[in-house]
Amino acid sequence: MKRKVELFTAGCPVCEPIVEMVKSMACSSCEVVIYDLSKPCDTNECVDKVKTYGIKSLPAVAVNGVLLDCCQNKGVSVDTLIKAGLGEPAIM
């Protein structure tokens, strides 16, 4: 079973290091989906997900449908990404 990692960004200089960090930490058990909110999405999926997760600031990361604690107005951290399982194979 893959771990779904959703990364919400605005394509800004603050977001890009987080995008690179998440990409570098992801393993073969991670499916990374990047939503660049500075560009319109073909569907309203990206906007709907922002509302569903209650995202108030970017960048933000959700893993398996849960917005990480670090992304609730505090910023993304390596520790929180590790606790969410990034970089480790998913348990079947």
Protein backbone atom coordinates (compact mmCIF):
# COMPACT_ATOMS: atom_id res chain seq x y z
CA MET A 1 0.00 0.00 0.00
CA LYS A 2 1.38 3.39 -0.98
CA ARG A 3 1.55 6.37 1.36
CA LYS A 4 -0.14 9.33 -0.33
CA VAL A 5 1.74 12.58 0.26
CA GLU A 6 -0.03 15.73 -0.90
CA LEU A 7 2.09 18.86 -1.04
CA PHE A 8 0.44 22.25 -1.41
CA THR A 9 2.68 25.03 -2.69
CA ALA A 10 2.45 28.45 -4.25
CA GLY A 11 5.61 28.01 -6.33
CA CYS A 12 7.31 30.64 -4.15
CA PRO A 13 10.92 30.80 -2.88
CA VAL A 14 9.73 29.70 0.59
CA CYS A 15 7.88 26.69 -0.85
CA GLU A 16 10.55 25.35 -3.21
CA PRO A 17 12.94 24.07 -0.49
CA ILE A 18 10.01 22.19 1.09
CA VAL A 19 9.09 20.67 -2.30
CA GLU A 20 12.69 19.48 -2.72
CA MET A 21 12.84 18.17 0.88
CA VAL A 22 9.64 16.13 0.46
CA LYS A 23 10.80 14.76 -2.90
CA SER A 24 14.18 13.77 -1.47
CA MET A 25 12.61 12.05 1.55
CA ALA A 26 9.96 10.15 -0.42
CA CYS A 27 10.59 6.45 -0.98
CA SER A 28 9.10 3.87 -3.32
CA SER A 29 6.13 3.50 -0.93
CA CYS A 30 5.28 7.21 -1.26
CA GLU A 31 3.03 8.66 -3.93
CA VAL A 32 3.81 12.40 -3.96
CA VAL A 33 1.21 14.72 -5.47
CA ILE A 34 2.12 18.40 -5.76
CA TYR A 35 -0.60 21.01 -5.98
CA ASP A 36 0.85 24.34 -7.15
CA LEU A 37 -1.87 26.77 -6.16
CA SER A 38 -0.24 29.60 -8.12
CA LYS A 39 -1.53 27.87 -11.27
CA PRO A 40 -5.16 27.03 -11.94
CA CYS A 41 -5.94 23.31 -11.78
CA ASP A 42 -8.04 21.73 -14.53
CA THR A 43 -10.55 20.58 -11.96
CA ASN A 44 -11.39 22.15 -8.61
CA GLU A 45 -9.61 19.29 -6.84
CA CYS A 46 -6.76 21.45 -5.52
CA VAL A 47 -9.12 24.14 -4.19
CA ASP A 48 -11.47 21.54 -2.72
CA LYS A 49 -8.59 19.83 -0.90
CA VAL A 50 -7.37 23.14 0.56
CA LYS A 51 -10.87 23.69 1.97
CA THR A 52 -11.22 20.10 3.18
CA TYR A 53 -7.88 20.15 5.00
CA GLY A 54 -8.44 23.68 6.32
CA ILE A 55 -5.09 24.88 4.96
CA LYS A 56 -4.39 28.43 6.06
CA SER A 57 -0.76 28.83 4.97
CA LEU A 58 1.62 27.38 2.39
CA PRO A 59 3.56 25.24 1.98
CA ALA A 60 1.47 22.49 3.56
CA VAL A 61 1.73 18.71 3.56
CA ALA A 62 -0.96 16.07 4.07
CA VAL A 63 -0.13 12.38 4.44
CA ASN A 64 -2.81 9.77 3.86
CA GLY A 65 -5.53 12.40 4.02
CA VAL A 66 -4.38 14.12 7.22
CA LEU A 67 -2.86 17.61 7.31
CA LEU A 68 0.36 17.35 9.30
CA ASP A 69 0.54 19.21 12.61
CA CYS A 70 3.52 21.20 11.35
CA CYS A 71 1.37 22.61 8.58
CA GLN A 72 -1.31 24.03 10.78
CA ASN A 73 0.19 27.54 10.73
CA LYS A 74 3.58 26.40 12.08
CA GLY A 75 5.57 25.39 8.99
CA VAL A 76 6.93 22.08 7.71
CA SER A 77 9.65 20.27 9.64
CA VAL A 78 11.81 17.23 8.92
CA ASP A 79 10.79 15.65 12.26
CA THR A 80 7.10 15.81 11.43
CA LEU A 81 7.70 14.36 7.94
CA ILE A 82 9.68 11.47 9.47
CA LYS A 83 6.94 10.83 12.05
CA ALA A 84 4.46 10.68 9.15
CA GLY A 85 6.54 7.89 7.60
CA LEU A 86 8.27 9.67 4.71
CA GLY A 87 11.36 7.81 3.60
CA GLU A 88 10.26 4.46 5.04
CA PRO A 89 8.55 1.66 3.16
CA ALA A 90 4.85 1.35 3.91
CA ILE A 91 3.77 -1.69 5.88
CA MET A 92 1.44 -3.91 3.89
